Amino acid sequence: MKRRFNKAMSPKRKKVVCECLQVTEDDVIEAIRTRELRTVEDVTRYTEAGGGCTACHPSIKQYLAYLASSASPSCSDK
């Protein structure tokens, strides 16, 4: 008897940002947050995302912009 594929039992697939080098969204976000990356070149240096065909550069820029705008200030003016 053939076993049927059950999506509910399979591990959740992670969103791939860079198809060429199979770098996931989680990898990009973690690198931006932990290493305080600010440019696409920084992200490419640490994750390799964007080092292939460069089609993911616009997406990487969106992650950078979003995470920069949602970052909390590191010091206050009290």
Foldseek 3Di string as FASTA:
>chain_A
DDDDDDPVPDDDDFDALAPVVRFGPVNLLVCCVPVVDQAPVSSCVRGVRCVPPNPSRVVSNVSNVVCVVPDDDPDDDD
